[in-house]
Amino acid sequence: MYVFAAEGGNTWPDVVFILGVLTLGVFLIVVVVASLHEFRKTKLLASQEEAMRQVVRRYEQLAENSVDTQQRVAADLAELRTRTSAIEQILRTVE
């Protein structure tokens, strides 16, 4: 390491300063990489939560449609029972 090698060698204060700057640089790089990693992780979690919300909305919509369909089928079945009873009554009177 001959950054300040104008006079043939580095003094201890120069070496300590250079090591401090290098340590600070490595620390800053680690902080930036860790921050980027956390940002990506947060972004991924947010997209997963949005996908889950869409699944829940779809499920609620399907459940609502199922209830409507069951009510219509129940009403149609009740009408058929009424018609069947009326037809049975007519057949009994004919016999």
C-alpha atoms as a PDB file:
ATOM      1  CA  MET A   1       0.000   0.000   0.000  1.00  0.00           C
ATOM      2  CA  TYR A   2       1.928   2.967  -1.215  1.00  0.00           C
ATOM      3  CA  VAL A   3      -0.731   5.629  -1.395  1.00  0.00           C
ATOM      4  CA  PHE A   4       1.423   8.241   0.348  1.00  0.00           C
ATOM      5  CA  ALA A   5       4.741   6.910  -0.856  1.00  0.00           C
ATOM      6  CA  ALA A   6       6.284  10.269  -1.776  1.00  0.00           C
ATOM      7  CA  GLU A   7       9.090   9.886   0.723  1.00  0.00           C
ATOM      8  CA  GLY A   8       9.605   6.160   0.497  1.00  0.00           C
ATOM      9  CA  GLY A   9       7.226   4.783   3.167  1.00  0.00           C
ATOM     10  CA  ASN A  10       4.021   5.141   5.064  1.00  0.00           C
ATOM     11  CA  THR A  11       3.853   6.263   8.635  1.00  0.00           C
ATOM     12  CA  TRP A  12       1.636   4.551  11.177  1.00  0.00           C
ATOM     13  CA  PRO A  13      -0.935   7.343  11.213  1.00  0.00           C
ATOM     14  CA  ASP A  14      -1.205   7.077   7.415  1.00  0.00           C
ATOM     15  CA  VAL A  15      -1.694   3.314   7.579  1.00  0.00           C
ATOM     16  CA  VAL A  16      -4.314   3.644  10.312  1.00  0.00           C
ATOM     17  CA  PHE A  17      -6.118   6.309   8.284  1.00  0.00           C
ATOM     18  CA  ILE A  18      -6.094   4.149   5.137  1.00  0.00           C
ATOM     19  CA  LEU A  19      -7.349   1.110   7.063  1.00  0.00           C
ATOM     20  CA  GLY A  20     -10.074   3.253   8.634  1.00  0.00           C
ATOM     21  CA  VAL A  21     -11.193   4.527   5.232  1.00  0.00           C
ATOM     22  CA  LEU A  22     -11.208   0.994   3.822  1.00  0.00           C
ATOM     23  CA  THR A  23     -13.156  -0.296   6.829  1.00  0.00           C
ATOM     24  CA  LEU A  24     -15.683   2.510   6.447  1.00  0.00           C
ATOM     25  CA  GLY A  25     -15.994   1.748   2.736  1.00  0.00           C
ATOM     26  CA  VAL A  26     -16.606  -1.958   3.378  1.00  0.00           C
ATOM     27  CA  PHE A  27     -19.122  -1.087   6.109  1.00  0.00           C
ATOM     28  CA  LEU A  28     -21.009   1.253   3.766  1.00  0.00           C
ATOM     29  CA  ILE A  29     -21.081  -1.394   1.029  1.00  0.00           C
ATOM     30  CA  VAL A  30     -22.461  -3.961   3.497  1.00  0.00           C
ATOM     31  CA  VAL A  31     -25.111  -1.491   4.664  1.00  0.00           C
ATOM     32  CA  VAL A  32     -26.180  -0.746   1.084  1.00  0.00           C
ATOM     33  CA  VAL A  33     -26.378  -4.451   0.175  1.00  0.00           C
ATOM     34  CA  ALA A  34     -28.348  -5.237   3.346  1.00  0.00           C
ATOM     35  CA  SER A  35     -30.743  -2.356   2.645  1.00  0.00           C
ATOM     36  CA  LEU A  36     -31.307  -3.531  -0.916  1.00  0.00           C
ATOM     37  CA  HIS A  37     -31.948  -7.050   0.345  1.00  0.00           C
ATOM     38  CA  GLU A  38     -34.512  -5.801   2.879  1.00  0.00           C
ATOM     39  CA  PHE A  39     -36.177  -3.653   0.221  1.00  0.00           C
ATOM     40  CA  ARG A  40     -36.524  -6.636  -2.121  1.00  0.00           C
ATOM     41  CA  LYS A  41     -37.850  -8.773   0.724  1.00  0.00           C
ATOM     42  CA  THR A  42     -40.423  -6.124   1.664  1.00  0.00           C
ATOM     43  CA  LYS A  43     -41.467  -5.733  -1.964  1.00  0.00           C
ATOM     44  CA  LEU A  44     -41.889  -9.502  -2.316  1.00  0.00           C
ATOM     45  CA  LEU A  45     -43.986  -9.687   0.855  1.00  0.00           C
ATOM     46  CA  ALA A  46     -46.182  -6.844  -0.387  1.00  0.00           C
ATOM     47  CA  SER A  47     -46.797  -8.615  -3.691  1.00  0.00           C
ATOM     48  CA  GLN A  48     -47.609 -11.853  -1.872  1.00  0.00           C
ATOM     49  CA  GLU A  49     -50.070 -10.018   0.377  1.00  0.00           C
ATOM     50  CA  GLU A  50     -51.744  -8.450  -2.659  1.00  0.00           C
ATOM     51  CA  ALA A  51     -52.031 -11.869  -4.302  1.00  0.00           C
ATOM     52  CA  MET A  52     -53.590 -13.227  -1.107  1.00  0.00           C
ATOM     53  CA  ARG A  53     -56.071 -10.342  -1.032  1.00  0.00           C
ATOM     54  CA  GLN A  54     -57.071 -11.138  -4.612  1.00  0.00           C
ATOM     55  CA  VAL A  55     -57.576 -14.799  -3.708  1.00  0.00           C
ATOM     56  CA  VAL A  56     -59.747 -13.803  -0.733  1.00  0.00           C
ATOM     57  CA  ARG A  57     -61.809 -11.428  -2.903  1.00  0.00           C
ATOM     58  CA  ARG A  58     -62.303 -14.179  -5.482  1.00  0.00           C
ATOM     59  CA  TYR A  59     -63.313 -16.660  -2.786  1.00  0.00           C
ATOM     60  CA  GLU A  60     -65.836 -14.201  -1.326  1.00  0.00           C
ATOM     61  CA  GLN A  61     -67.292 -13.592  -4.777  1.00  0.00           C
ATOM     62  CA  LEU A  62     -67.596 -17.327  -5.442  1.00  0.00           C
ATOM     63  CA  ALA A  63     -69.184 -17.899  -2.031  1.00  0.00           C
ATOM     64  CA  GLU A  64     -71.711 -15.142  -2.716  1.00  0.00           C
ATOM     65  CA  ASN A  65     -72.522 -16.611  -6.139  1.00  0.00           C
ATOM     66  CA  SER A  66     -72.926 -20.058  -4.560  1.00  0.00           C
ATOM     67  CA  VAL A  67     -75.417 -18.719  -2.022  1.00  0.00           C
ATOM     68  CA  ASP A  68     -77.419 -17.032  -4.796  1.00  0.00           C
ATOM     69  CA  THR A  69     -77.429 -20.222  -6.851  1.00  0.00           C
ATOM     70  CA  GLN A  70     -78.509 -22.332  -3.867  1.00  0.00           C
ATOM     71  CA  GLN A  71     -81.383 -19.935  -3.156  1.00  0.00           C
ATOM     72  CA  ARG A  72     -82.551 -20.087  -6.776  1.00  0.00           C
ATOM     73  CA  VAL A  73     -82.359 -23.886  -6.811  1.00  0.00           C
ATOM     74  CA  ALA A  74     -84.294 -24.051  -3.527  1.00  0.00           C
ATOM     75  CA  ALA A  75     -86.990 -21.775  -4.958  1.00  0.00           C
ATOM     76  CA  ASP A  76     -87.223 -23.852  -8.156  1.00  0.00           C
ATOM     77  CA  LEU A  77     -87.423 -27.051  -6.122  1.00  0.00           C
ATOM     78  CA  ALA A  78     -90.227 -25.617  -3.982  1.00  0.00           C
ATOM     79  CA  GLU A  79     -92.122 -24.649  -7.137  1.00  0.00           C
ATOM     80  CA  LEU A  80     -91.672 -28.157  -8.553  1.00  0.00           C
ATOM     81  CA  ARG A  81     -92.974 -29.671  -5.314  1.00  0.00           C
ATOM     82  CA  THR A  82     -96.038 -27.435  -5.524  1.00  0.00           C
ATOM     83  CA  ARG A  83     -96.668 -28.466  -9.144  1.00  0.00           C
ATOM     84  CA  THR A  84     -96.127 -32.130  -8.311  1.00  0.00           C
ATOM     85  CA  SER A  85     -98.615 -31.903  -5.455  1.00  0.00           C
ATOM     86  CA  ALA A  86    -101.132 -30.247  -7.767  1.00  0.00           C
ATOM     87  CA  ILE A  87    -100.645 -32.949 -10.430  1.00  0.00           C
ATOM     88  CA  GLU A  88    -101.007 -35.701  -7.801  1.00  0.00           C
ATOM     89  CA  GLN A  89    -104.216 -34.078  -6.554  1.00  0.00           C
ATOM     90  CA  ILE A  90    -105.605 -33.970 -10.110  1.00  0.00           C
ATOM     91  CA  LEU A  91    -104.680 -37.633 -10.703  1.00  0.00           C
ATOM     92  CA  ARG A  92    -106.405 -38.670  -7.431  1.00  0.00           C
ATOM     93  CA  THR A  93    -109.572 -36.919  -8.445  1.00  0.00           C
ATOM     94  CA  VAL A  94    -109.533 -38.611 -11.877  1.00  0.00           C
ATOM     95  CA  GLU A  95    -109.203 -42.099 -10.391  1.00  0.00           C
END
